[in-house]
């Protein structure tokens, strides 16, 4: 029998605690300090396999994010940015498709799997291609430092120290 703490069990009763985001930081100071190494033209689509064809398959490299959008009461702007990532050696579409494996293989990257399973019907995938591969990593880091997304667990520099102090990560 699955325990109440097992977020991957399909047979347990509803437990609101499984949907709790244990680390959410909204910091206007971090937003103000944001400086992107390159211009970003974001596009997005609901995260489901049939939308893979909407993701570019001809450009290698870029940044992306997962956003939870409840889509209730016709509210135009209720979203929660959960994760920021990058890809340098593969197309954005290939990276998009890899995340569907994380829904079934929960043995690695538990924080990603939990996000994909808990909010699967409400996830959006936003992406921005970056033509200059030398700017991808710096752009991802700038986004991480500004947004401080709760599902990410690898930060650099001062932000890493701040988050370790706050949350012991």
Protein backbone atom coordinates (compact mmCIF):
# COMPACT_ATOMS: atom_id res chain seq x y z
CA UNK A 1 0.00 0.00 0.00
CA UNK A 2 1.30 3.46 -0.89
CA UNK A 3 2.05 5.91 1.86
CA UNK A 4 0.32 9.28 2.10
CA UNK A 5 3.68 10.89 1.31
CA UNK A 6 4.17 9.08 -1.99
CA UNK A 7 3.37 11.73 -4.66
CA UNK A 8 3.50 9.13 -7.43
CA UNK A 9 0.86 6.78 -6.10
CA UNK A 10 -2.27 6.67 -8.21
CA UNK A 11 -4.27 4.83 -5.51
CA UNK A 12 -4.04 7.16 -2.54
CA UNK A 13 -6.63 9.66 -1.37
CA UNK A 14 -6.21 13.32 -2.22
CA UNK A 15 -3.58 14.97 -0.05
CA UNK A 16 -3.26 18.74 -0.37
CA UNK A 17 0.24 18.55 1.11
CA UNK A 18 1.50 16.90 -2.07
CA UNK A 19 0.69 20.07 -4.00
CA UNK A 20 2.47 22.41 -1.62
CA UNK A 21 5.38 24.35 -3.07
CA UNK A 22 7.93 24.35 -0.29
CA UNK A 23 10.12 27.05 -1.75
CA UNK A 24 8.59 30.04 -3.47
CA UNK A 25 10.47 33.34 -3.48
CA UNK A 26 9.09 36.43 -5.21
CA UNK A 27 11.87 39.01 -5.08
CA UNK A 28 11.43 42.39 -6.81
CA UNK A 29 15.11 43.11 -6.10
CA UNK A 30 16.11 40.05 -8.16
CA UNK A 31 13.70 41.07 -10.93
CA UNK A 32 15.16 44.58 -11.02
CA UNK A 33 18.71 43.20 -11.27
CA UNK A 34 17.83 40.99 -14.25
CA UNK A 35 19.95 41.61 -17.33
CA UNK A 36 19.61 39.23 -20.25
CA UNK A 37 22.72 38.46 -22.29
CA UNK A 38 20.49 38.29 -25.38
CA UNK A 39 17.03 39.30 -26.56
CA UNK A 40 14.44 36.61 -25.96
CA UNK A 41 11.34 35.99 -28.09
CA UNK A 42 9.24 33.67 -25.94
CA UNK A 43 6.63 31.32 -27.37
CA UNK A 44 4.58 28.81 -25.48
CA UNK A 45 2.31 25.82 -25.72
CA UNK A 46 0.44 23.55 -23.38
CA UNK A 47 2.71 20.70 -22.29
CA UNK A 48 1.25 17.65 -24.00
CA UNK A 49 2.72 15.25 -26.57
CA UNK A 50 0.50 16.43 -29.42
CA UNK A 51 2.03 19.92 -29.16
CA UNK A 52 5.58 18.77 -29.88
CA UNK A 53 5.19 19.85 -33.50
CA UNK A 54 4.80 23.46 -32.27
CA UNK A 55 8.33 23.45 -30.86
CA UNK A 56 11.21 24.25 -33.26
CA UNK A 57 13.13 21.24 -34.48
CA UNK A 58 15.62 23.06 -36.67
CA UNK A 59 17.50 25.23 -34.16
CA UNK A 60 19.80 23.82 -31.51
CA UNK A 61 19.83 25.74 -28.31
CA UNK A 62 17.75 27.98 -26.20
CA UNK A 63 16.07 28.41 -22.85
CA UNK A 64 12.72 27.18 -21.66
CA UNK A 65 10.48 27.21 -18.63
CA UNK A 66 7.60 25.26 -17.17
CA UNK A 67 4.70 27.34 -15.92
CA UNK A 68 1.62 26.15 -14.05
CA UNK A 69 -1.55 27.87 -15.26
CA UNK A 70 -4.73 26.90 -13.39
CA UNK A 71 -7.03 28.26 -16.14
CA UNK A 72 -9.98 28.92 -13.86
CA UNK A 73 -12.56 31.71 -13.76
CA UNK A 74 -11.21 33.15 -17.04
CA UNK A 75 -8.45 34.88 -15.08
CA UNK A 76 -6.09 36.32 -17.69
CA UNK A 77 -2.85 36.25 -15.71
CA UNK A 78 -2.65 33.57 -13.07
CA UNK A 79 0.58 31.63 -13.58
CA UNK A 80 3.37 30.13 -11.50
CA UNK A 81 6.82 29.79 -13.03
CA UNK A 82 8.15 26.51 -11.67
CA UNK A 83 11.31 25.64 -13.62
CA UNK A 84 13.86 27.17 -15.98
CA UNK A 85 16.18 25.12 -18.18
CA UNK A 86 18.39 25.29 -21.23
CA UNK A 87 19.50 23.13 -24.09
CA UNK A 88 22.70 23.63 -26.08
CA UNK A 89 23.32 20.40 -27.97
CA UNK A 90 19.83 19.43 -29.02
CA UNK A 91 16.75 21.11 -30.43
CA UNK A 92 14.09 22.55 -28.18
CA UNK A 93 11.66 19.93 -29.51
CA UNK A 94 13.98 17.09 -28.52
CA UNK A 95 14.27 18.58 -25.03
CA UNK A 96 10.47 19.05 -24.84
CA UNK A 97 9.95 15.37 -25.70
CA UNK A 98 12.50 14.18 -23.12
CA UNK A 99 10.32 15.52 -20.32
CA UNK A 100 7.57 13.01 -21.08
CA UNK A 101 9.97 10.25 -19.98
CA UNK A 102 10.32 11.97 -16.59
CA UNK A 103 6.61 11.36 -16.02
CA UNK A 104 7.15 7.62 -16.12
CA UNK A 105 10.73 7.34 -14.87
CA UNK A 106 10.67 8.83 -11.39
CA UNK A 107 14.02 7.35 -10.38
CA UNK A 108 15.96 10.44 -11.47
CA UNK A 109 15.32 14.15 -11.05
CA UNK A 110 12.55 13.62 -8.54
CA UNK A 111 11.69 17.32 -8.38
CA UNK A 112 11.06 17.41 -12.15
CA UNK A 113 9.01 14.20 -12.09
CA UNK A 114 6.89 15.48 -9.23
CA UNK A 115 6.17 18.75 -11.07
CA UNK A 116 5.22 16.89 -14.26
CA UNK A 117 2.93 14.48 -12.43
CA UNK A 118 1.23 16.84 -10.00
CA UNK A 119 0.41 19.62 -12.46
CA UNK A 120 0.36 17.67 -15.74
CA UNK A 121 -3.00 19.06 -16.91
CA UNK A 122 -1.96 22.64 -16.12
CA UNK A 123 1.64 22.85 -17.37
CA UNK A 124 2.79 25.12 -20.16
CA UNK A 125 6.16 24.97 -21.86
CA UNK A 126 7.60 28.35 -22.83
CA UNK A 127 10.72 28.55 -24.95
CA UNK A 128 13.06 31.01 -26.63
CA UNK A 129 15.63 30.00 -29.24
CA UNK A 130 19.09 31.49 -28.88
CA UNK A 131 21.20 31.56 -32.04
CA UNK A 132 24.51 32.26 -30.27
CA UNK A 133 25.38 29.15 -28.24
CA UNK A 134 27.87 31.12 -26.13
CA UNK A 135 24.96 33.08 -24.60
CA UNK A 136 22.69 30.17 -23.63
CA UNK A 137 24.17 29.27 -20.26
CA UNK A 138 24.48 32.90 -19.13
CA UNK A 139 20.88 33.54 -20.16
CA UNK A 140 19.64 30.54 -18.20
CA UNK A 141 21.61 31.67 -15.14
CA UNK A 142 20.23 35.21 -15.40
CA UNK A 143 16.68 33.81 -15.55
CA UNK A 144 17.33 31.52 -12.59
CA UNK A 145 18.73 34.41 -10.54
CA UNK A 146 15.73 36.61 -11.36
CA UNK A 147 12.87 34.12 -11.01
CA UNK A 148 14.30 31.74 -8.36
CA UNK A 149 12.01 28.95 -9.61
CA UNK A 150 11.07 26.45 -6.89
CA UNK A 151 11.69 23.25 -8.87
CA UNK A 152 15.25 24.19 -9.85
CA UNK A 153 17.87 23.12 -7.34
CA UNK A 154 21.15 24.25 -8.91
CA UNK A 155 22.11 27.90 -8.64
CA UNK A 156 25.44 29.72 -8.81
CA UNK A 157 27.09 32.57 -6.96
CA UNK A 158 25.39 34.83 -4.45
CA UNK A 159 21.92 33.47 -5.24
CA UNK A 160 23.05 29.94 -4.35
CA UNK A 161 24.31 31.19 -0.99
CA UNK A 162 21.08 33.11 -0.33
CA UNK A 163 18.89 30.12 -1.12
CA UNK A 164 21.05 27.73 0.93
CA UNK A 165 20.69 30.11 3.85
CA UNK A 166 16.91 30.34 3.43
CA UNK A 167 16.07 26.76 2.58
CA UNK A 168 19.13 24.61 3.28
CA UNK A 169 19.35 23.41 -0.33
